[in-house]
Amino acid sequence: MGKTINAVATGKKRANSVITVTHDNDKAHFDVIGHPRLTVDFSAVSAANMEYAAFHGIKQRVVDSAAIAWDGIGERPTPADKYAEMVKIVDHLNSGSPDWNTTRGEGGGAIGGVTLKALAAVQGMELDAMRARVAEVAEKQGKTVKVKLAEYATMPAVIKKIVELRAAASPVKADDLMAELKG
């Protein structure tokens, strides 16, 4: 069997996923819970549709890389930030690598945002060291980094630090807001 792709989110299969996509050599299989398998036989697809599918997949891969999440702290991603992420993917695809995904070292994107920043502050660690540690723990537990960060985000100390970070980054200060209420 070939690669399994979770249609809700690529990577490890999520518990709440209703669609699973797999492929083996020349077929793509779509399994929807409670329904018969759907299969696309690549040899039956027209050359024009295969060419468009390749274009669409690569276009989507490059454009998706520019969808940089903003964590509410600091500046929003700029067009230059988005372009830099796109360059990483274009360079990777043009490298001839058989891997669809880049490695972290190639610039697989930032993870964690404000939760990661808060966790690093609470633990007294540098951001990059905390990012690596969370990834290590997630891998050991068979979870995604996103899932581990969501778990860590429920810790009272992390919640408090997130609130502090967001308040510090806010263009409107709490004292100004309170003064508005006093009239």
N, C-alpha and C. Protein backbone atom coordinates (compact mmCIF):
# COMPACT_ATOMS: atom_id res chain seq x y z
N MET A 1 0.85 -1.18 0.00
CA MET A 1 0.00 0.00 0.00
C MET A 1 0.89 1.23 0.00
N GLY A 2 0.44 2.27 -0.62
CA GLY A 2 1.20 3.51 -0.72
C GLY A 2 0.98 4.41 0.48
N LYS A 3 0.98 5.66 0.21
CA LYS A 3 0.90 6.67 1.25
C LYS A 3 -0.54 6.91 1.68
N THR A 4 -0.76 7.11 2.98
CA THR A 4 -2.08 7.46 3.51
C THR A 4 -2.10 8.95 3.81
N ILE A 5 -3.12 9.61 3.34
CA ILE A 5 -3.29 11.03 3.57
C ILE A 5 -4.64 11.24 4.22
N ASN A 6 -4.65 11.86 5.37
CA ASN A 6 -5.88 12.16 6.06
C ASN A 6 -6.47 13.41 5.41
N ALA A 7 -7.69 13.33 4.94
CA ALA A 7 -8.28 14.45 4.21
C ALA A 7 -8.62 15.63 5.10
N VAL A 8 -8.73 15.42 6.41
CA VAL A 8 -8.99 16.53 7.31
C VAL A 8 -7.69 17.30 7.54
N ALA A 9 -6.62 16.58 7.73
CA ALA A 9 -5.30 17.20 7.89
C ALA A 9 -4.27 16.14 7.52
N THR A 10 -3.31 16.51 6.66
CA THR A 10 -2.32 15.53 6.24
C THR A 10 -1.48 15.10 7.43
N GLY A 11 -0.87 13.97 7.32
CA GLY A 11 -0.04 13.46 8.41
C GLY A 11 -0.74 12.33 9.12
N LYS A 12 -0.61 12.30 10.41
CA LYS A 12 -1.21 11.23 11.21
C LYS A 12 -2.73 11.31 11.15
N LYS A 13 -3.36 10.15 11.08
CA LYS A 13 -4.82 10.10 11.02
C LYS A 13 -5.42 10.63 12.31
N ARG A 14 -6.36 11.55 12.16
CA ARG A 14 -7.04 12.12 13.32
C ARG A 14 -8.23 11.27 13.70
N ALA A 15 -8.54 11.25 14.96
CA ALA A 15 -9.63 10.43 15.47
C ALA A 15 -10.98 10.84 14.86
N ASN A 16 -11.16 12.11 14.56
CA ASN A 16 -12.45 12.58 14.06
C ASN A 16 -12.51 12.64 12.53
N SER A 17 -11.55 12.07 11.85
CA SER A 17 -11.53 12.10 10.40
C SER A 17 -12.59 11.18 9.82
N VAL A 18 -13.33 11.65 8.84
CA VAL A 18 -14.31 10.80 8.18
C VAL A 18 -13.85 10.37 6.80
N ILE A 19 -12.82 11.02 6.28
CA ILE A 19 -12.31 10.69 4.95
C ILE A 19 -10.83 10.35 5.06
N THR A 20 -10.45 9.22 4.46
CA THR A 20 -9.05 8.84 4.38
C THR A 20 -8.71 8.65 2.92
N VAL A 21 -7.58 9.21 2.50
CA VAL A 21 -7.14 9.10 1.12
C VAL A 21 -5.82 8.34 1.10
N THR A 22 -5.75 7.31 0.27
CA THR A 22 -4.52 6.54 0.11
C THR A 22 -4.20 6.43 -1.38
N HIS A 23 -2.95 6.12 -1.66
CA HIS A 23 -2.63 5.84 -3.06
C HIS A 23 -1.62 4.70 -3.13
N ASP A 24 -1.70 3.95 -4.20
CA ASP A 24 -0.73 2.90 -4.45
C ASP A 24 -0.45 2.90 -5.95
N ASN A 25 0.75 3.23 -6.29
CA ASN A 25 1.23 3.28 -7.67
C ASN A 25 0.34 4.12 -8.58
N ASP A 26 -0.69 3.52 -9.18
CA ASP A 26 -1.46 4.23 -10.20
C ASP A 26 -2.94 4.42 -9.83
N LYS A 27 -3.23 4.40 -8.55
CA LYS A 27 -4.63 4.58 -8.12
C LYS A 27 -4.68 5.44 -6.85
N ALA A 28 -5.74 6.23 -6.75
CA ALA A 28 -6.02 6.99 -5.52
C ALA A 28 -7.32 6.43 -4.95
N HIS A 29 -7.31 6.14 -3.66
CA HIS A 29 -8.48 5.56 -3.00
C HIS A 29 -9.03 6.54 -1.98
N PHE A 30 -10.35 6.69 -1.97
CA PHE A 30 -11.03 7.59 -1.05
C PHE A 30 -12.00 6.76 -0.22
N ASP A 31 -11.74 6.70 1.07
CA ASP A 31 -12.59 5.94 1.99
C ASP A 31 -13.33 6.91 2.89
N VAL A 32 -14.64 6.87 2.82
CA VAL A 32 -15.51 7.69 3.67
C VAL A 32 -16.23 6.74 4.61
N ILE A 33 -16.19 7.02 5.87
CA ILE A 33 -16.81 6.14 6.86
C ILE A 33 -18.26 5.83 6.46
N GLY A 34 -18.57 4.54 6.42
CA GLY A 34 -19.93 4.11 6.14
C GLY A 34 -20.30 4.06 4.66
N HIS A 35 -19.31 4.24 3.77
CA HIS A 35 -19.60 4.24 2.33
C HIS A 35 -18.57 3.39 1.60
N PRO A 36 -18.94 2.89 0.41
CA PRO A 36 -17.98 2.09 -0.37
C PRO A 36 -16.80 2.95 -0.82
N ARG A 37 -15.66 2.32 -0.98
CA ARG A 37 -14.44 2.99 -1.43
C ARG A 37 -14.63 3.55 -2.83
N LEU A 38 -14.10 4.76 -3.03
CA LEU A 38 -14.02 5.36 -4.36
C LEU A 38 -12.57 5.25 -4.82
N THR A 39 -12.36 4.94 -6.09
CA THR A 39 -11.00 4.81 -6.62
C THR A 39 -10.88 5.56 -7.93
N VAL A 40 -9.83 6.33 -8.06
CA VAL A 40 -9.49 6.97 -9.34
C VAL A 40 -8.29 6.22 -9.88
N ASP A 41 -8.44 5.66 -11.07
CA ASP A 41 -7.37 4.93 -11.74
C ASP A 41 -6.65 5.93 -12.63
N PHE A 42 -5.40 6.25 -12.27
CA PHE A 42 -4.67 7.27 -13.01
C PHE A 42 -4.54 6.94 -14.49
N SER A 43 -4.49 5.66 -14.83
CA SER A 43 -4.36 5.28 -16.24
C SER A 43 -5.63 5.58 -17.03
N ALA A 44 -6.76 5.76 -16.34
CA ALA A 44 -8.02 6.07 -17.01
C ALA A 44 -8.27 7.58 -17.12
N VAL A 45 -7.48 8.37 -16.40
CA VAL A 45 -7.65 9.83 -16.41
C VAL A 45 -6.98 10.39 -17.68
N SER A 46 -7.64 11.33 -18.33
CA SER A 46 -7.09 11.92 -19.55
C SER A 46 -5.77 12.64 -19.27
N ALA A 47 -4.95 12.75 -20.28
CA ALA A 47 -3.66 13.43 -20.14
C ALA A 47 -3.87 14.89 -19.72
N ALA A 48 -4.90 15.52 -20.27
CA ALA A 48 -5.18 16.92 -19.92
C ALA A 48 -5.55 17.05 -18.44
N ASN A 49 -6.36 16.12 -17.92
CA ASN A 49 -6.73 16.18 -16.50
C ASN A 49 -5.56 15.83 -15.60
N MET A 50 -4.70 14.91 -16.01
CA MET A 50 -3.51 14.59 -15.21
C MET A 50 -2.57 15.79 -15.17
N GLU A 51 -2.42 16.48 -16.30
CA GLU A 51 -1.56 17.67 -16.34
C GLU A 51 -2.13 18.76 -15.44
N TYR A 52 -3.45 18.95 -15.51
CA TYR A 52 -4.06 19.97 -14.67
C TYR A 52 -3.97 19.59 -13.19
N ALA A 53 -4.14 18.31 -12.89
CA ALA A 53 -4.03 17.86 -11.49
C ALA A 53 -2.63 18.14 -10.95
N ALA A 54 -1.61 17.90 -11.77
CA ALA A 54 -0.24 18.19 -11.34
C ALA A 54 -0.07 19.69 -11.12
N PHE A 55 -0.54 20.50 -12.05
CA PHE A 55 -0.46 21.95 -11.91
C PHE A 55 -1.19 22.40 -10.64
N HIS A 56 -2.42 21.90 -10.46
CA HIS A 56 -3.23 22.32 -9.31
C HIS A 56 -2.55 21.95 -7.99
N GLY A 57 -2.01 20.76 -7.91
CA GLY A 57 -1.34 20.32 -6.69
C GLY A 57 -0.13 21.18 -6.36
N ILE A 58 0.68 21.46 -7.36
CA ILE A 58 1.88 22.28 -7.13
C ILE A 58 1.50 23.72 -6.82
N LYS A 59 0.53 24.24 -7.55
CA LYS A 59 0.06 25.61 -7.28
C LYS A 59 -0.44 25.72 -5.84
N GLN A 60 -1.24 24.75 -5.43
CA GLN A 60 -1.81 24.79 -4.08
C GLN A 60 -0.71 24.67 -3.02
N ARG A 61 0.28 23.82 -3.29
CA ARG A 61 1.39 23.61 -2.35
C ARG A 61 2.16 24.91 -2.14
N VAL A 62 2.44 25.61 -3.22
CA VAL A 62 3.21 26.86 -3.13
C VAL A 62 2.38 27.96 -2.47
N VAL A 63 1.14 28.12 -2.89
CA VAL A 63 0.28 29.17 -2.33
C VAL A 63 -0.01 28.90 -0.86
N ASP A 64 -0.25 27.64 -0.49
CA ASP A 64 -0.51 27.30 0.91
C ASP A 64 0.66 27.66 1.82
N SER A 65 1.87 27.58 1.29
CA SER A 65 3.04 27.90 2.11
C SER A 65 3.05 29.36 2.54
N ALA A 66 2.36 30.21 1.78
CA ALA A 66 2.31 31.64 2.11
C ALA A 66 1.24 31.95 3.15
N ALA A 67 0.44 30.97 3.52
CA ALA A 67 -0.62 31.18 4.51
C ALA A 67 -0.01 31.06 5.90
N ILE A 68 0.74 32.07 6.28
CA ILE A 68 1.43 32.08 7.56
C ILE A 68 0.47 32.55 8.64
N ALA A 69 0.30 31.72 9.66
CA ALA A 69 -0.61 32.09 10.75
C ALA A 69 -0.03 33.25 11.54
N TRP A 70 -0.89 34.15 11.94
CA TRP A 70 -0.49 35.27 12.80
C TRP A 70 -0.99 34.95 14.19
N ASP A 71 -0.13 35.03 15.17
CA ASP A 71 -0.49 34.63 16.54
C ASP A 71 -1.04 35.77 17.38
N GLY A 72 -1.23 36.93 16.80
CA GLY A 72 -1.74 38.06 17.56
C GLY A 72 -0.67 38.81 18.33
N ILE A 73 0.56 38.35 18.22
CA ILE A 73 1.70 38.99 18.89
C ILE A 73 2.60 39.55 17.81
N GLY A 74 2.95 40.80 17.92
CA GLY A 74 3.86 41.38 16.95
C GLY A 74 3.18 41.71 15.63
N GLU A 75 4.01 41.87 14.62
CA GLU A 75 3.51 42.27 13.30
C GLU A 75 2.89 41.10 12.56
N ARG A 76 1.93 41.42 11.72
CA ARG A 76 1.35 40.40 10.84
C ARG A 76 2.40 40.04 9.78
N PRO A 77 2.31 38.82 9.22
CA PRO A 77 3.25 38.46 8.16
C PRO A 77 3.13 39.43 6.98
N THR A 78 4.27 39.84 6.46
CA THR A 78 4.31 40.78 5.34
C THR A 78 4.34 40.02 4.02
N PRO A 79 4.12 40.72 2.89
CA PRO A 79 4.29 40.05 1.60
C PRO A 79 5.69 39.44 1.46
N ALA A 80 6.70 40.10 2.01
CA ALA A 80 8.06 39.55 1.96
C ALA A 80 8.16 38.24 2.74
N ASP A 81 7.49 38.16 3.89
CA ASP A 81 7.46 36.92 4.67
C ASP A 81 6.81 35.80 3.87
N LYS A 82 5.68 36.13 3.24
CA LYS A 82 4.95 35.14 2.44
C LYS A 82 5.81 34.68 1.25
N TYR A 83 6.45 35.64 0.60
CA TYR A 83 7.31 35.31 -0.54
C TYR A 83 8.45 34.39 -0.11
N ALA A 84 9.04 34.67 1.05
CA ALA A 84 10.16 33.86 1.53
C ALA A 84 9.72 32.40 1.76
N GLU A 85 8.52 32.20 2.29
CA GLU A 85 8.01 30.83 2.48
C GLU A 85 7.77 30.16 1.13
N MET A 86 7.25 30.92 0.17
CA MET A 86 7.01 30.37 -1.17
C MET A 86 8.32 29.97 -1.84
N VAL A 87 9.36 30.79 -1.66
CA VAL A 87 10.68 30.48 -2.24
C VAL A 87 11.18 29.14 -1.71
N LYS A 88 11.00 28.89 -0.42
CA LYS A 88 11.46 27.63 0.18
C LYS A 88 10.80 26.43 -0.50
N ILE A 89 9.51 26.53 -0.75
CA ILE A 89 8.78 25.42 -1.36
C ILE A 89 9.17 25.26 -2.82
N VAL A 90 9.25 26.38 -3.55
CA VAL A 90 9.65 26.32 -4.96
C VAL A 90 11.05 25.72 -5.09
N ASP A 91 11.98 26.17 -4.25
CA ASP A 91 13.33 25.61 -4.29
C ASP A 91 13.32 24.12 -3.98
N HIS A 92 12.51 23.74 -2.99
CA HIS A 92 12.42 22.31 -2.63
C HIS A 92 11.88 21.49 -3.80
N LEU A 93 10.78 21.96 -4.41
CA LEU A 93 10.20 21.22 -5.53
C LEU A 93 11.15 21.16 -6.72
N ASN A 94 11.88 22.23 -6.95
CA ASN A 94 12.85 22.26 -8.07
C ASN A 94 14.13 21.49 -7.76
N SER A 95 14.30 21.05 -6.52
CA SER A 95 15.53 20.34 -6.14
C SER A 95 15.58 18.90 -6.67
N GLY A 96 14.42 18.40 -7.08
CA GLY A 96 14.36 17.02 -7.52
C GLY A 96 14.12 16.03 -6.39
N SER A 97 13.95 16.52 -5.19
CA SER A 97 13.70 15.65 -4.03
C SER A 97 12.43 14.84 -4.27
N PRO A 98 12.43 13.56 -3.91
CA PRO A 98 11.21 12.77 -4.04
C PRO A 98 10.21 13.05 -2.91
N ASP A 99 10.64 13.83 -1.89
CA ASP A 99 9.78 14.14 -0.76
C ASP A 99 8.86 15.32 -1.08
N TRP A 100 7.58 15.16 -0.81
CA TRP A 100 6.62 16.24 -1.02
C TRP A 100 6.84 17.34 0.01
N ASN A 101 7.05 16.95 1.26
CA ASN A 101 7.23 17.92 2.34
C ASN A 101 8.70 18.27 2.52
N THR A 102 8.93 19.50 2.96
CA THR A 102 10.28 19.92 3.30
C THR A 102 10.58 19.45 4.71
N THR A 103 11.83 19.46 5.07
CA THR A 103 12.20 19.17 6.45
C THR A 103 12.18 20.48 7.22
N ARG A 104 12.17 20.44 8.54
CA ARG A 104 12.20 21.67 9.35
C ARG A 104 13.38 22.53 8.96
N GLY A 105 14.51 21.91 8.70
CA GLY A 105 15.71 22.66 8.35
C GLY A 105 15.56 23.41 7.04
N GLU A 106 14.70 22.92 6.17
CA GLU A 106 14.45 23.59 4.90
C GLU A 106 13.44 24.71 5.05
N GLY A 107 12.91 24.87 6.22
CA GLY A 107 11.94 25.94 6.42
C GLY A 107 10.52 25.45 6.32
N GLY A 108 10.21 24.38 7.01
CA GLY A 108 8.87 23.82 6.98
C GLY A 108 7.85 24.69 7.68
N GLY A 109 8.18 25.91 7.97
CA GLY A 109 7.22 26.83 8.57
C GLY A 109 7.35 26.87 10.07
N ALA A 110 6.83 27.92 10.62
CA ALA A 110 6.88 28.08 12.07
C ALA A 110 5.76 27.29 12.70
N ILE A 111 5.95 26.88 13.93
CA ILE A 111 4.90 26.19 14.66
C ILE A 111 4.68 26.89 15.98
N GLY A 112 3.44 26.89 16.43
CA GLY A 112 3.17 27.25 17.80
C GLY A 112 2.66 28.62 18.11
N GLY A 113 3.17 29.63 17.47
CA GLY A 113 2.69 30.97 17.73
C GLY A 113 2.75 31.37 19.18
N VAL A 114 1.67 31.99 19.65
CA VAL A 114 1.64 32.54 20.99
C VAL A 114 1.72 31.45 22.06
N THR A 115 1.16 30.28 21.80
CA THR A 115 1.24 29.20 22.79
C THR A 115 2.68 28.78 22.99
N LEU A 116 3.41 28.64 21.91
CA LEU A 116 4.82 28.25 22.01
C LEU A 116 5.62 29.34 22.72
N LYS A 117 5.35 30.59 22.42
CA LYS A 117 6.05 31.70 23.08
C LYS A 117 5.76 31.70 24.59
N ALA A 118 4.50 31.48 24.93
CA ALA A 118 4.12 31.45 26.35
C ALA A 118 4.78 30.26 27.05
N LEU A 119 4.75 29.11 26.42
CA LEU A 119 5.35 27.91 27.01
C LEU A 119 6.85 28.09 27.22
N ALA A 120 7.53 28.69 26.24
CA ALA A 120 8.96 28.95 26.37
C ALA A 120 9.23 29.90 27.53
N ALA A 121 8.41 30.94 27.66
CA ALA A 121 8.58 31.90 28.75
C ALA A 121 8.36 31.24 30.11
N VAL A 122 7.31 30.44 30.21
CA VAL A 122 7.00 29.77 31.47
C VAL A 122 8.12 28.80 31.86
N GLN A 123 8.68 28.12 30.88
CA GLN A 123 9.73 27.14 31.15
C GLN A 123 11.13 27.76 31.19
N GLY A 124 11.23 29.06 30.85
CA GLY A 124 12.53 29.73 30.86
C GLY A 124 13.47 29.23 29.78
N MET A 125 12.90 28.90 28.61
CA MET A 125 13.70 28.37 27.50
C MET A 125 13.65 29.32 26.31
N GLU A 126 14.66 29.21 25.46
CA GLU A 126 14.64 29.94 24.19
C GLU A 126 13.55 29.35 23.31
N LEU A 127 12.99 30.17 22.43
CA LEU A 127 11.88 29.74 21.58
C LEU A 127 12.26 28.53 20.70
N ASP A 128 13.41 28.58 20.06
CA ASP A 128 13.82 27.47 19.19
C ASP A 128 14.02 26.18 19.98
N ALA A 129 14.57 26.30 21.18
CA ALA A 129 14.77 25.11 22.03
C ALA A 129 13.42 24.53 22.44
N MET A 130 12.46 25.39 22.77
CA MET A 130 11.14 24.91 23.16
C MET A 130 10.44 24.28 21.96
N ARG A 131 10.57 24.89 20.79
CA ARG A 131 9.97 24.33 19.57
C ARG A 131 10.49 22.91 19.34
N ALA A 132 11.80 22.72 19.48
CA ALA A 132 12.41 21.40 19.28
C ALA A 132 11.92 20.42 20.35
N ARG A 133 11.82 20.88 21.58
CA ARG A 133 11.40 20.01 22.68
C ARG A 133 9.95 19.55 22.50
N VAL A 134 9.07 20.48 22.10
CA VAL A 134 7.67 20.12 21.88
C VAL A 134 7.57 19.12 20.73
N ALA A 135 8.31 19.34 19.67
CA ALA A 135 8.30 18.40 18.54
C ALA A 135 8.79 17.02 18.96
N GLU A 136 9.81 16.99 19.80
CA GLU A 136 10.35 15.72 20.30
C GLU A 136 9.32 14.97 21.14
N VAL A 137 8.68 15.68 22.06
CA VAL A 137 7.66 15.07 22.92
C VAL A 137 6.48 14.58 22.07
N ALA A 138 6.05 15.40 21.14
CA ALA A 138 4.92 15.03 20.28
C ALA A 138 5.23 13.75 19.50
N GLU A 139 6.42 13.69 18.94
CA GLU A 139 6.81 12.50 18.17
C GLU A 139 6.84 11.25 19.05
N LYS A 140 7.42 11.37 20.24
CA LYS A 140 7.47 10.24 21.18
C LYS A 140 6.08 9.74 21.53
N GLN A 141 5.12 10.65 21.61
CA GLN A 141 3.76 10.28 22.00
C GLN A 141 2.86 9.96 20.81
N GLY A 142 3.43 10.05 19.60
CA GLY A 142 2.64 9.77 18.40
C GLY A 142 1.57 10.81 18.13
N LYS A 143 1.84 12.04 18.55
CA LYS A 143 0.90 13.14 18.35
C LYS A 143 1.52 14.19 17.45
N THR A 144 0.70 15.09 16.96
CA THR A 144 1.23 16.20 16.19
C THR A 144 1.65 17.32 17.16
N VAL A 145 2.49 18.20 16.68
CA VAL A 145 2.90 19.35 17.49
C VAL A 145 1.68 20.21 17.82
N LYS A 146 0.80 20.34 16.86
CA LYS A 146 -0.41 21.14 17.07
C LYS A 146 -1.23 20.58 18.24
N VAL A 147 -1.38 19.26 18.29
CA VAL A 147 -2.13 18.63 19.38
C VAL A 147 -1.43 18.85 20.72
N LYS A 148 -0.10 18.67 20.75
CA LYS A 148 0.63 18.88 22.01
C LYS A 148 0.52 20.32 22.48
N LEU A 149 0.64 21.27 21.57
CA LEU A 149 0.52 22.67 21.96
C LEU A 149 -0.88 22.98 22.47
N ALA A 150 -1.90 22.36 21.88
CA ALA A 150 -3.26 22.56 22.36
C ALA A 150 -3.40 22.01 23.79
N GLU A 151 -2.73 20.90 24.07
CA GLU A 151 -2.75 20.36 25.43
C GLU A 151 -2.04 21.31 26.39
N TYR A 152 -0.85 21.77 25.99
CA TYR A 152 -0.10 22.69 26.85
C TYR A 152 -0.84 24.00 27.08
N ALA A 153 -1.63 24.40 26.10
CA ALA A 153 -2.36 25.68 26.20
C ALA A 153 -3.45 25.64 27.26
N THR A 154 -3.74 24.47 27.82
CA THR A 154 -4.75 24.37 28.89
C THR A 154 -4.13 24.52 30.28
N MET A 155 -2.81 24.58 30.35
CA MET A 155 -2.13 24.72 31.64
C MET A 155 -2.32 26.14 32.17
N PRO A 156 -2.73 26.30 33.42
CA PRO A 156 -2.98 27.65 33.96
C PRO A 156 -1.82 28.62 33.78
N ALA A 157 -0.59 28.18 34.00
CA ALA A 157 0.55 29.09 33.86
C ALA A 157 0.72 29.54 32.41
N VAL A 158 0.44 28.66 31.48
CA VAL A 158 0.56 29.00 30.05
C VAL A 158 -0.58 29.94 29.66
N ILE A 159 -1.77 29.66 30.14
CA ILE A 159 -2.92 30.54 29.85
C ILE A 159 -2.61 31.95 30.35
N LYS A 160 -2.10 32.06 31.57
CA LYS A 160 -1.78 33.37 32.14
C LYS A 160 -0.74 34.10 31.28
N LYS A 161 0.29 33.38 30.84
CA LYS A 161 1.35 33.99 30.02
C LYS A 161 0.82 34.41 28.66
N ILE A 162 -0.08 33.61 28.07
CA ILE A 162 -0.69 33.99 26.79
C ILE A 162 -1.44 35.31 26.94
N VAL A 163 -2.20 35.43 28.00
CA VAL A 163 -2.95 36.66 28.26
C VAL A 163 -1.98 37.84 28.41
N GLU A 164 -0.90 37.63 29.16
CA GLU A 164 0.10 38.69 29.34
C GLU A 164 0.73 39.10 28.00
N LEU A 165 1.09 38.13 27.19
CA LEU A 165 1.72 38.42 25.89
C LEU A 165 0.77 39.18 24.97
N ARG A 166 -0.48 38.75 24.95
CA ARG A 166 -1.46 39.43 24.10
C ARG A 166 -1.73 40.85 24.59
N ALA A 167 -1.80 41.01 25.90
CA ALA A 167 -2.04 42.35 26.46
C ALA A 167 -0.87 43.28 26.14
N ALA A 168 0.36 42.76 26.27
CA ALA A 168 1.54 43.57 25.99
C ALA A 168 1.62 43.97 24.51
N ALA A 169 1.11 43.11 23.63
CA ALA A 169 1.17 43.37 22.19
C ALA A 169 0.00 44.22 21.70
N SER A 170 -1.01 44.39 22.54
CA SER A 170 -2.21 45.11 22.13
C SER A 170 -1.91 46.60 21.94
N PRO A 171 -2.42 47.17 20.85
CA PRO A 171 -2.22 48.61 20.65
C PRO A 171 -3.04 49.44 21.65
N VAL A 172 -4.06 48.84 22.24
CA VAL A 172 -4.89 49.51 23.23
C VAL A 172 -4.50 48.94 24.60
N LYS A 173 -4.18 49.82 25.51
CA LYS A 173 -3.76 49.40 26.84
C LYS A 173 -4.95 49.28 27.78
N ALA A 174 -4.85 48.38 28.73
CA ALA A 174 -5.93 48.11 29.68
C ALA A 174 -6.35 49.36 30.43
N ASP A 175 -5.38 50.17 30.81
CA ASP A 175 -5.72 51.40 31.56
C ASP A 175 -6.59 52.33 30.71
N ASP A 176 -6.30 52.40 29.42
CA ASP A 176 -7.10 53.24 28.51
C ASP A 176 -8.52 52.69 28.41
N LEU A 177 -8.64 51.38 28.35
CA LEU A 177 -9.96 50.77 28.27
C LEU A 177 -10.76 51.02 29.55
N MET A 178 -10.08 50.91 30.68
CA MET A 178 -10.76 51.14 31.95
C MET A 178 -11.18 52.60 32.07
N ALA A 179 -10.37 53.51 31.59
CA ALA A 179 -10.70 54.94 31.64
C ALA A 179 -11.94 55.23 30.80
N GLU A 180 -12.10 54.52 29.67
CA GLU A 180 -13.28 54.69 28.83
C GLU A 180 -14.55 54.36 29.62
N LEU A 181 -14.47 53.34 30.42
CA LEU A 181 -15.65 52.92 31.18
C LEU A 181 -16.03 53.90 32.27
N LYS A 182 -15.02 54.58 32.82
CA LYS A 182 -15.30 55.54 33.89
C LYS A 182 -15.99 56.78 33.34
N GLY A 183 -15.78 57.04 32.05
CA GLY A 183 -16.46 58.18 31.43
C GLY A 183 -15.70 59.38 31.61
